[in-house]
Amino acid sequence: ERSGSMRDDTGASWQSDYAGHNADDKLPVVNVSWND
């Protein structure tokens, strides 16, 4: 949000939302690879 762009976050996972926060179960899952 501070820069208005995407950044790498080593702590983000499939359980995170688009900004790296805990995601609600009704949101589309993101931060997943093609393999996932």
Full PDB file with SEQRES, HELIX, SHEET, SSBOND, CRYST1, ORIGX, SCALE, CONECT and MASTER records, all heavy atoms in Angstrom:
SEQRES   1 A   36  GLU ARG SER GLY SER MET ARG ASP ASP THR GLY ALA SER          
SEQRES   2 A   36  TRP GLN SER ASP TYR ALA GLY HIS ASN ALA ASP ASP LYS          
SEQRES   3 A   36  LEU PRO VAL VAL ASN VAL SER TRP ASN ASP                      
CRYST1    1.000    1.000    1.000  90.00  90.00  90.00 P 1           1          
ORIGX1      1.000000  0.000000  0.000000        0.00000                         
ORIGX2      0.000000  1.000000  0.000000        0.00000                         
ORIGX3      0.000000  0.000000  1.000000        0.00000                         
SCALE1      1.000000  0.000000  0.000000        0.00000                         
SCALE2      0.000000  1.000000  0.000000        0.00000                         
SCALE3      0.000000  0.000000  1.000000        0.00000                         
ATOM      1  N   GLU A   1       0.822  -1.206   0.000  1.00  0.00           N  
ATOM      2  CA  GLU A   1       0.000   0.000   0.000  1.00  0.00           C  
ATOM      3  C   GLU A   1       0.860   1.262   0.000  1.00  0.00           C  
ATOM      4  O   GLU A   1       0.500   2.268  -0.624  1.00  0.00           O  
ATOM      5  CB  GLU A   1      -0.920  -0.012   1.226  1.00  0.00           C  
ATOM      6  CG  GLU A   1      -1.759   1.244   1.407  1.00  0.00           C  
ATOM      7  CD  GLU A   1      -2.765   1.451   0.297  1.00  0.00           C  
ATOM      8  OE1 GLU A   1      -3.178   0.466  -0.350  1.00  0.00           O  
ATOM      9  OE2 GLU A   1      -3.156   2.608   0.056  1.00  0.00           O  
ATOM     10  N   ARG A   2       2.023   1.214   0.648  1.00  0.00           N  
ATOM     11  CA  ARG A   2       2.855   2.415   0.737  1.00  0.00           C  
ATOM     12  C   ARG A   2       3.417   2.818  -0.612  1.00  0.00           C  
ATOM     13  O   ARG A   2       3.428   3.994  -0.973  1.00  0.00           O  
ATOM     14  CB  ARG A   2       4.001   2.190   1.733  1.00  0.00           C  
ATOM     15  CG  ARG A   2       3.524   2.106   3.192  1.00  0.00           C  
ATOM     16  CD  ARG A   2       4.655   1.747   4.108  1.00  0.00           C  
ATOM     17  NE  ARG A   2       5.225   0.426   3.788  1.00  0.00           N  
ATOM     18  CZ  ARG A   2       6.260  -0.111   4.410  1.00  0.00           C  
ATOM     19  NH1 ARG A   2       6.869   0.555   5.372  1.00  0.00           N  
ATOM     20  NH2 ARG A   2       6.691  -1.304   4.078  1.00  0.00           N  
ATOM     21  N   SER A   3       3.856   1.805  -1.413  1.00  0.00           N  
ATOM     22  CA  SER A   3       4.447   2.130  -2.718  1.00  0.00           C  
ATOM     23  C   SER A   3       3.428   2.037  -3.856  1.00  0.00           C  
ATOM     24  O   SER A   3       3.670   2.537  -4.958  1.00  0.00           O  
ATOM     25  CB  SER A   3       5.624   1.195  -3.010  1.00  0.00           C  
ATOM     26  OG  SER A   3       5.162  -0.154  -3.129  1.00  0.00           O  
ATOM     27  N   GLY A   4       2.326   1.345  -3.590  1.00  0.00           N  
ATOM     28  CA  GLY A   4       1.328   1.155  -4.634  1.00  0.00           C  
ATOM     29  C   GLY A   4       1.733   0.119  -5.663  1.00  0.00           C  
ATOM     30  O   GLY A   4       1.203   0.123  -6.783  1.00  0.00           O  
ATOM     31  N   SER A   5       2.652  -0.767  -5.335  1.00  0.00           N  
ATOM     32  CA  SER A   5       3.104  -1.796  -6.269  1.00  0.00           C  
ATOM     33  C   SER A   5       3.232  -3.129  -5.538  1.00  0.00           C  
ATOM     34  O   SER A   5       3.047  -3.208  -4.325  1.00  0.00           O  
ATOM     35  CB  SER A   5       4.452  -1.393  -6.882  1.00  0.00           C  
ATOM     36  OG  SER A   5       5.436  -1.241  -5.867  1.00  0.00           O  
ATOM     37  N   MET A   6       3.570  -4.174  -6.295  1.00  0.00           N  
ATOM     38  CA  MET A   6       3.732  -5.503  -5.718  1.00  0.00           C  
ATOM     39  C   MET A   6       5.141  -5.651  -5.166  1.00  0.00           C  
ATOM     40  O   MET A   6       6.114  -5.125  -5.730  1.00  0.00           O  
ATOM     41  CB  MET A   6       3.465  -6.569  -6.772  1.00  0.00           C  
ATOM     42  CG  MET A   6       2.105  -6.484  -7.448  1.00  0.00           C  
ATOM     43  SD  MET A   6       0.704  -6.711  -6.334  1.00  0.00           S  
ATOM     44  CE  MET A   6       0.844  -8.469  -5.971  1.00  0.00           C  
ATOM     45  N   ARG A   7       5.289  -6.397  -4.057  1.00  0.00           N  
ATOM     46  CA  ARG A   7       6.598  -6.646  -3.458  1.00  0.00           C  
ATOM     47  C   ARG A   7       6.657  -8.081  -2.968  1.00  0.00           C  
ATOM     48  O   ARG A   7       5.629  -8.699  -2.683  1.00  0.00           O  
ATOM     49  CB  ARG A   7       6.850  -5.688  -2.301  1.00  0.00           C  
ATOM     50  CG  ARG A   7       5.898  -5.888  -1.128  1.00  0.00           C  
ATOM     51  CD  ARG A   7       6.236  -5.011   0.061  1.00  0.00           C  
ATOM     52  NE  ARG A   7       5.259  -5.197   1.140  1.00  0.00           N  
ATOM     53  CZ  ARG A   7       5.318  -6.183   2.040  1.00  0.00           C  
ATOM     54  NH1 ARG A   7       6.305  -7.073   1.997  1.00  0.00           N  
ATOM     55  NH2 ARG A   7       4.401  -6.279   2.992  1.00  0.00           N  
ATOM     56  N   ASP A   8       7.837  -8.646  -2.875  1.00  0.00           N  
ATOM     57  CA  ASP A   8       8.016  -9.998  -2.348  1.00  0.00           C  
ATOM     58  C   ASP A   8       7.919  -9.975  -0.835  1.00  0.00           C  
ATOM     59  O   ASP A   8       8.517  -9.113  -0.168  1.00  0.00           O  
ATOM     60  CB  ASP A   8       9.373 -10.566  -2.764  1.00  0.00           C  
ATOM     61  CG  ASP A   8       9.446 -10.867  -4.253  1.00  0.00           C  
ATOM     62  OD1 ASP A   8       8.361 -11.010  -4.866  1.00  0.00           O  
ATOM     63  OD2 ASP A   8      10.564 -10.950  -4.790  1.00  0.00           O  
ATOM     64  N   ASP A   9       7.151 -10.935  -0.320  1.00  0.00           N  
ATOM     65  CA  ASP A   9       6.978 -11.052   1.128  1.00  0.00           C  
ATOM     66  C   ASP A   9       7.221 -12.505   1.484  1.00  0.00           C  
ATOM     67  O   ASP A   9       6.430 -13.386   1.151  1.00  0.00           O  
ATOM     68  CB  ASP A   9       5.571 -10.623   1.525  1.00  0.00           C  
ATOM     69  CG  ASP A   9       5.338 -10.660   3.039  1.00  0.00           C  
ATOM     70  OD1 ASP A   9       6.185 -11.224   3.769  1.00  0.00           O  
ATOM     71  OD2 ASP A   9       4.297 -10.144   3.480  1.00  0.00           O  
ATOM     72  N   THR A  10       8.325 -12.793   2.169  1.00  0.00           N  
ATOM     73  CA  THR A  10       8.683 -14.182   2.499  1.00  0.00           C  
ATOM     74  C   THR A  10       7.716 -14.809   3.497  1.00  0.00           C  
ATOM     75  O   THR A  10       7.641 -16.028   3.610  1.00  0.00           O  
ATOM     76  CB  THR A  10      10.099 -14.251   3.079  1.00  0.00           C  
ATOM     77  OG1 THR A  10      10.170 -13.393   4.236  1.00  0.00           O  
ATOM     78  CG2 THR A  10      11.127 -13.794   2.052  1.00  0.00           C  
ATOM     79  N   GLY A  11       6.945 -13.979   4.179  1.00  0.00           N  
ATOM     80  CA  GLY A  11       5.997 -14.511   5.155  1.00  0.00           C  
ATOM     81  C   GLY A  11       4.611 -14.731   4.572  1.00  0.00           C  
ATOM     82  O   GLY A  11       3.748 -15.320   5.228  1.00  0.00           O  
ATOM     83  N   ALA A  12       4.395 -14.275   3.343  1.00  0.00           N  
ATOM     84  CA  ALA A  12       3.060 -14.437   2.739  1.00  0.00           C  
ATOM     85  C   ALA A  12       2.875 -15.872   2.247  1.00  0.00           C  
ATOM     86  O   ALA A  12       3.824 -16.515   1.799  1.00  0.00           O  
ATOM     87  CB  ALA A  12       2.887 -13.458   1.595  1.00  0.00           C  
ATOM     88  N   SER A  13       1.645 -16.354   2.310  1.00  0.00           N  
ATOM     89  CA  SER A  13       1.333 -17.718   1.859  1.00  0.00           C  
ATOM     90  C   SER A  13      -0.072 -17.754   1.277  1.00  0.00           C  
ATOM     91  O   SER A  13      -0.755 -16.730   1.177  1.00  0.00           O  
ATOM     92  CB  SER A  13       1.440 -18.708   3.025  1.00  0.00           C  
ATOM     93  OG  SER A  13       0.333 -18.558   3.905  1.00  0.00           O  
ATOM     94  N   TRP A  14      -0.491 -18.939   0.927  1.00  0.00           N  
ATOM     95  CA  TRP A  14      -1.843 -19.116   0.382  1.00  0.00           C  
ATOM     96  C   TRP A  14      -2.917 -18.697   1.383  1.00  0.00           C  
ATOM     97  O   TRP A  14      -4.063 -18.456   1.009  1.00  0.00           O  
ATOM     98  CB  TRP A  14      -2.057 -20.565  -0.037  1.00  0.00           C  
ATOM     99  CG  TRP A  14      -1.950 -21.556   1.116  1.00  0.00           C  
ATOM    100  CD1 TRP A  14      -0.829 -22.195   1.536  1.00  0.00           C  
ATOM    101  CD2 TRP A  14      -3.018 -21.978   1.981  1.00  0.00           C  
ATOM    102  NE1 TRP A  14      -1.098 -23.009   2.621  1.00  0.00           N  
ATOM    103  CE2 TRP A  14      -2.455 -22.885   2.901  1.00  0.00           C  
ATOM    104  CE3 TRP A  14      -4.372 -21.681   2.078  1.00  0.00           C  
ATOM    105  CZ2 TRP A  14      -3.206 -23.493   3.920  1.00  0.00           C  
ATOM    106  CZ3 TRP A  14      -5.123 -22.283   3.076  1.00  0.00           C  
ATOM    107  CH2 TRP A  14      -4.537 -23.190   3.992  1.00  0.00           C  
ATOM    108  N   GLN A  15      -2.581 -18.643   2.665  1.00  0.00           N  
ATOM    109  CA  GLN A  15      -3.531 -18.219   3.694  1.00  0.00           C  
ATOM    110  C   GLN A  15      -3.607 -16.702   3.811  1.00  0.00           C  
ATOM    111  O   GLN A  15      -4.411 -16.183   4.575  1.00  0.00           O  
ATOM    112  CB  GLN A  15      -3.142 -18.813   5.046  1.00  0.00           C  
ATOM    113  CG  GLN A  15      -3.108 -20.345   5.048  1.00  0.00           C  
ATOM    114  CD  GLN A  15      -2.774 -20.931   6.400  1.00  0.00           C  
ATOM    115  OE1 GLN A  15      -3.631 -21.007   7.287  1.00  0.00           O  
ATOM    116  NE2 GLN A  15      -1.520 -21.329   6.571  1.00  0.00           N  
ATOM    117  N   SER A  16      -2.768 -16.000   3.024  1.00  0.00           N  
ATOM    118  CA  SER A  16      -2.726 -14.537   3.066  1.00  0.00           C  
ATOM    119  C   SER A  16      -3.576 -13.963   1.944  1.00  0.00           C  
ATOM    120  O   SER A  16      -3.789 -14.596   0.907  1.00  0.00           O  
ATOM    121  CB  SER A  16      -1.287 -14.040   2.920  1.00  0.00           C  
ATOM    122  OG  SER A  16      -0.431 -14.651   3.862  1.00  0.00           O  
ATOM    123  N   ASP A  17      -4.019 -12.720   2.149  1.00  0.00           N  
ATOM    124  CA  ASP A  17      -4.753 -12.059   1.082  1.00  0.00           C  
ATOM    125  C   ASP A  17      -3.776 -11.357   0.150  1.00  0.00           C  
ATOM    126  O   ASP A  17      -2.552 -11.565   0.230  1.00  0.00           O  
ATOM    127  CB  ASP A  17      -5.798 -11.105   1.651  1.00  0.00           C  
ATOM    128  CG  ASP A  17      -5.182  -9.923   2.403  1.00  0.00           C  
ATOM    129  OD1 ASP A  17      -3.928  -9.775   2.373  1.00  0.00           O  
ATOM    130  OD2 ASP A  17      -5.947  -9.141   2.996  1.00  0.00           O  
ATOM    131  N   TYR A  18      -4.283 -10.478  -0.711  1.00  0.00           N  
ATOM    132  CA  TYR A  18      -3.445  -9.822  -1.729  1.00  0.00           C  
ATOM    133  C   TYR A  18      -2.360  -8.950  -1.117  1.00  0.00           C  
ATOM    134  O   TYR A  18      -1.337  -8.689  -1.734  1.00  0.00           O  
ATOM    135  CB  TYR A  18      -4.342  -8.989  -2.645  1.00  0.00           C  
ATOM    136  CG  TYR A  18      -4.793  -7.677  -2.028  1.00  0.00           C  
ATOM    137  CD1 TYR A  18      -4.255  -6.476  -2.471  1.00  0.00           C  
ATOM    138  CD2 TYR A  18      -5.742  -7.641  -1.006  1.00  0.00           C  
ATOM    139  CE1 TYR A  18      -4.664  -5.270  -1.916  1.00  0.00           C  
ATOM    140  CE2 TYR A  18      -6.143  -6.460  -0.449  1.00  0.00           C  
ATOM    141  CZ  TYR A  18      -5.616  -5.270  -0.905  1.00  0.00           C  
ATOM    142  OH  TYR A  18      -6.008  -4.076  -0.342  1.00  0.00           O  
ATOM    143  N   ALA A  19      -2.580  -8.499   0.159  1.00  0.00           N  
ATOM    144  CA  ALA A  19      -1.614  -7.602   0.803  1.00  0.00           C  
ATOM    145  C   ALA A  19      -0.778  -8.311   1.858  1.00  0.00           C  
ATOM    146  O   ALA A  19      -0.003  -7.656   2.571  1.00  0.00           O  
ATOM    147  CB  ALA A  19      -2.343  -6.413   1.428  1.00  0.00           C  
ATOM    148  N   GLY A  20      -0.936  -9.626   1.993  1.00  0.00           N  
ATOM    149  CA  GLY A  20      -0.141 -10.379   2.961  1.00  0.00           C  
ATOM    150  C   GLY A  20      -0.809 -10.547   4.296  1.00  0.00           C  
ATOM    151  O   GLY A  20      -0.201 -11.106   5.215  1.00  0.00           O  
ATOM    152  N   HIS A  21      -2.052 -10.094   4.443  1.00  0.00           N  
ATOM    153  CA  HIS A  21      -2.780 -10.263   5.707  1.00  0.00           C  
ATOM    154  C   HIS A  21      -3.566 -11.578   5.675  1.00  0.00           C  
ATOM    155  O   HIS A  21      -3.742 -12.191   4.622  1.00  0.00           O  
ATOM    156  CB  HIS A  21      -3.727  -9.084   5.927  1.00  0.00           C  
ATOM    157  CG  HIS A  21      -3.048  -7.756   5.848  1.00  0.00           C  
ATOM    158  ND1 HIS A  21      -3.518  -6.704   5.093  1.00  0.00           N  
ATOM    159  CD2 HIS A  21      -1.898  -7.303   6.430  1.00  0.00           C  
ATOM    160  CE1 HIS A  21      -2.722  -5.664   5.200  1.00  0.00           C  
ATOM    161  NE2 HIS A  21      -1.708  -6.013   6.011  1.00  0.00           N  
ATOM    162  N   ASN A  22      -4.037 -11.991   6.853  1.00  0.00           N  
ATOM    163  CA  ASN A  22      -4.842 -13.217   6.905  1.00  0.00           C  
ATOM    164  C   ASN A  22      -6.077 -13.064   6.006  1.00  0.00           C  
ATOM    165  O   ASN A  22      -6.772 -12.047   6.055  1.00  0.00           O  
ATOM    166  CB  ASN A  22      -5.274 -13.507   8.343  1.00  0.00           C  
ATOM    167  CG  ASN A  22      -4.114 -13.987   9.203  1.00  0.00           C  
ATOM    168  OD1 ASN A  22      -3.142 -14.543   8.690  1.00  0.00           O  
ATOM    169  ND2 ASN A  22      -4.206 -13.755  10.514  1.00  0.00           N  
ATOM    170  N   ALA A  23      -6.323 -14.096   5.210  1.00  0.00           N  
ATOM    171  CA  ALA A  23      -7.405 -14.026   4.224  1.00  0.00           C  
ATOM    172  C   ALA A  23      -8.674 -14.671   4.751  1.00  0.00           C  
ATOM    173  O   ALA A  23      -8.628 -15.690   5.452  1.00  0.00           O  
ATOM    174  CB  ALA A  23      -6.981 -14.716   2.937  1.00  0.00           C  
ATOM    175  N   ASP A  24      -9.824 -14.076   4.383  1.00  0.00           N  
ATOM    176  CA  ASP A  24     -11.131 -14.664   4.702  1.00  0.00           C  
ATOM    177  C   ASP A  24     -11.362 -15.886   3.812  1.00  0.00           C  
ATOM    178  O   ASP A  24     -10.948 -15.926   2.658  1.00  0.00           O  
ATOM    179  CB  ASP A  24     -12.232 -13.624   4.473  1.00  0.00           C  
ATOM    180  CG  ASP A  24     -13.584 -14.126   4.925  1.00  0.00           C  
ATOM    181  OD1 ASP A  24     -14.258 -14.800   4.115  1.00  0.00           O  
ATOM    182  OD2 ASP A  24     -13.967 -13.859   6.077  1.00  0.00           O  
ATOM    183  N   ASP A  25     -12.059 -16.890   4.349  1.00  0.00           N  
ATOM    184  CA  ASP A  25     -12.292 -18.129   3.597  1.00  0.00           C  
ATOM    185  C   ASP A  25     -13.095 -17.907   2.325  1.00  0.00           C  
ATOM    186  O   ASP A  25     -13.046 -18.730   1.399  1.00  0.00           O  
ATOM    187  CB  ASP A  25     -13.015 -19.151   4.476  1.00  0.00           C  
ATOM    188  CG  ASP A  25     -12.051 -19.908   5.389  1.00  0.00           C  
ATOM    189  OD1 ASP A  25     -10.827 -19.689   5.271  1.00  0.00           O  
ATOM    190  OD2 ASP A  25     -12.523 -20.714   6.215  1.00  0.00           O  
ATOM    191  N   LYS A  26     -13.856 -16.814   2.220  1.00  0.00           N  
ATOM    192  CA  LYS A  26     -14.688 -16.577   1.037  1.00  0.00           C  
ATOM    193  C   LYS A  26     -13.949 -15.847  -0.074  1.00  0.00           C  
ATOM    194  O   LYS A  26     -14.495 -15.687  -1.171  1.00  0.00           O  
ATOM    195  CB  LYS A  26     -15.938 -15.786   1.429  1.00  0.00           C  
ATOM    196  CG  LYS A  26     -16.877 -16.551   2.350  1.00  0.00           C  
ATOM    197  CD  LYS A  26     -18.120 -15.738   2.683  1.00  0.00           C  
ATOM    198  CE  LYS A  26     -19.050 -16.512   3.616  1.00  0.00           C  
ATOM    199  NZ  LYS A  26     -20.262 -15.711   3.967  1.00  0.00           N  
ATOM    200  N   LEU A  27     -12.743 -15.425   0.199  1.00  0.00           N  
ATOM    201  CA  LEU A  27     -11.952 -14.772  -0.842  1.00  0.00           C  
ATOM    202  C   LEU A  27     -11.356 -15.819  -1.778  1.00  0.00           C  
ATOM    203  O   LEU A  27     -11.125 -16.967  -1.371  1.00  0.00           O  
ATOM    204  CB  LEU A  27     -10.826 -13.964  -0.213  1.00  0.00           C  
ATOM    205  CG  LEU A  27     -11.220 -12.676   0.522  1.00  0.00           C  
ATOM    206  CD1 LEU A  27     -10.012 -12.114   1.259  1.00  0.00           C  
ATOM    207  CD2 LEU A  27     -11.772 -11.650  -0.467  1.00  0.00           C  
ATOM    208  N   PRO A  28     -11.093 -15.447  -3.030  1.00  0.00           N  
ATOM    209  CA  PRO A  28     -10.390 -16.389  -3.907  1.00  0.00           C  
ATOM    210  C   PRO A  28      -8.972 -16.606  -3.388  1.00  0.00           C  
ATOM    211  O   PRO A  28      -8.298 -15.648  -2.969  1.00  0.00           O  
ATOM    212  CB  PRO A  28     -10.404 -15.682  -5.264  1.00  0.00           C  
ATOM    213  CG  PRO A  28     -10.518 -14.232  -4.943  1.00  0.00           C  
ATOM    214  CD  PRO A  28     -11.364 -14.153  -3.708  1.00  0.00           C  
ATOM    215  N   VAL A  29      -8.514 -17.846  -3.413  1.00  0.00           N  
ATOM    216  CA  VAL A  29      -7.164 -18.109  -2.935  1.00  0.00           C  
ATOM    217  C   VAL A  29      -6.161 -17.518  -3.921  1.00  0.00           C  
ATOM    218  O   VAL A  29      -6.308 -17.634  -5.141  1.00  0.00           O  
ATOM    219  CB  VAL A  29      -6.936 -19.623  -2.741  1.00  0.00           C  
ATOM    220  CG1 VAL A  29      -6.968 -20.375  -4.056  1.00  0.00           C  
ATOM    221  CG2 VAL A  29      -5.615 -19.873  -2.000  1.00  0.00           C  
ATOM    222  N   VAL A  30      -5.153 -16.792  -3.392  1.00  0.00           N  
ATOM    223  CA  VAL A  30      -4.077 -16.226  -4.200  1.00  0.00           C  
ATOM    224  C   VAL A  30      -2.754 -16.690  -3.600  1.00  0.00           C  
ATOM    225  O   VAL A  30      -2.726 -17.493  -2.675  1.00  0.00           O  
ATOM    226  CB  VAL A  30      -4.162 -14.682  -4.249  1.00  0.00           C  
ATOM    227  CG1 VAL A  30      -5.382 -14.230  -5.041  1.00  0.00           C  
ATOM    228  CG2 VAL A  30      -4.183 -14.083  -2.836  1.00  0.00           C  
ATOM    229  N   ASN A  31      -1.693 -16.221  -4.166  1.00  0.00           N  
ATOM    230  CA  ASN A  31      -0.358 -16.623  -3.696  1.00  0.00           C  
ATOM    231  C   ASN A  31      -0.150 -18.128  -3.856  1.00  0.00           C  
ATOM    232  O   ASN A  31       0.520 -18.772  -3.030  1.00  0.00           O  
ATOM    233  CB  ASN A  31      -0.144 -16.223  -2.225  1.00  0.00           C  
ATOM    234  CG  ASN A  31      -0.373 -14.739  -1.987  1.00  0.00           C  
ATOM    235  OD1 ASN A  31       0.003 -13.918  -2.838  1.00  0.00           O  
ATOM    236  ND2 ASN A  31      -0.975 -14.389  -0.860  1.00  0.00           N  
ATOM    237  N   VAL A  32      -0.751 -18.690  -4.913  1.00  0.00           N  
ATOM    238  CA  VAL A  32      -0.578 -20.109  -5.214  1.00  0.00           C  
ATOM    239  C   VAL A  32       0.079 -20.243  -6.581  1.00  0.00           C  
ATOM    240  O   VAL A  32      -0.161 -19.441  -7.495  1.00  0.00           O  
ATOM    241  CB  VAL A  32      -1.925 -20.866  -5.201  1.00  0.00           C  
ATOM    242  CG1 VAL A  32      -2.452 -21.015  -3.785  1.00  0.00           C  
ATOM    243  CG2 VAL A  32      -2.951 -20.166  -6.079  1.00  0.00           C  
ATOM    244  N   SER A  33       0.909 -21.260  -6.734  1.00  0.00           N  
ATOM    245  CA  SER A  33       1.613 -21.489  -7.993  1.00  0.00           C  
ATOM    246  C   SER A  33       0.773 -22.362  -8.924  1.00  0.00           C  
ATOM    247  O   SER A  33      -0.255 -22.918  -8.526  1.00  0.00           O  
ATOM    248  CB  SER A  33       2.946 -22.177  -7.719  1.00  0.00           C  
ATOM    249  OG  SER A  33       2.731 -23.499  -7.226  1.00  0.00           O  
ATOM    250  N   TRP A  34       1.285 -22.494 -10.165  1.00  0.00           N  
ATOM    251  CA  TRP A  34       0.634 -23.410 -11.119  1.00  0.00           C  
ATOM    252  C   TRP A  34       0.678 -24.828 -10.574  1.00  0.00           C  
ATOM    253  O   TRP A  34      -0.286 -25.584 -10.715  1.00  0.00           O  
ATOM    254  CB  TRP A  34       1.360 -23.332 -12.468  1.00  0.00           C  
ATOM    255  CG  TRP A  34       0.758 -24.203 -13.537  1.00  0.00           C  
ATOM    256  CD1 TRP A  34      -0.209 -23.865 -14.413  1.00  0.00           C  
ATOM    257  CD2 TRP A  34       1.121 -25.567 -13.837  1.00  0.00           C  
ATOM    258  NE1 TRP A  34      -0.513 -24.915 -15.246  1.00  0.00           N  
ATOM    259  CE2 TRP A  34       0.308 -25.992 -14.916  1.00  0.00           C  
ATOM    260  CE3 TRP A  34       2.052 -26.462 -13.309  1.00  0.00           C  
ATOM    261  CZ2 TRP A  34       0.396 -27.257 -15.468  1.00  0.00           C  
ATOM    262  CZ3 TRP A  34       2.118 -27.733 -13.856  1.00  0.00           C  
ATOM    263  CH2 TRP A  34       1.301 -28.126 -14.944  1.00  0.00           C  
ATOM    264  N   ASN A  35       1.793 -25.182  -9.898  1.00  0.00           N  
ATOM    265  CA  ASN A  35       1.928 -26.527  -9.321  1.00  0.00           C  
ATOM    266  C   ASN A  35       0.878 -26.765  -8.240  1.00  0.00           C  
ATOM    267  O   ASN A  35       0.308 -27.859  -8.137  1.00  0.00           O  
ATOM    268  CB  ASN A  35       3.325 -26.704  -8.733  1.00  0.00           C  
ATOM    269  CG  ASN A  35       4.412 -26.497  -9.770  1.00  0.00           C  
ATOM    270  OD1 ASN A  35       4.355 -27.057 -10.859  1.00  0.00           O  
ATOM    271  ND2 ASN A  35       5.404 -25.664  -9.443  1.00  0.00           N  
ATOM    272  N   ASP A  36       0.619 -25.720  -7.425  1.00  0.00           N  
ATOM    273  CA  ASP A  36      -0.392 -25.846  -6.375  1.00  0.00           C  
ATOM    274  C   ASP A  36      -1.778 -26.059  -6.987  1.00  0.00           C  
ATOM    275  O   ASP A  36      -2.561 -26.883  -6.508  1.00  0.00           O  
ATOM    276  CB  ASP A  36      -0.422 -24.585  -5.507  1.00  0.00           C  
ATOM    277  CG  ASP A  36       0.880 -24.352  -4.753  1.00  0.00           C  
ATOM    278  OD1 ASP A  36       1.607 -25.342  -4.506  1.00  0.00           O  
ATOM    279  OD2 ASP A  36       1.165 -23.187  -4.419  1.00  0.00           O  
TER     280      ASP A  36                                                      
MASTER        0    0    0    0    0    0    0    6  279    1    0    3          
END                                                                             
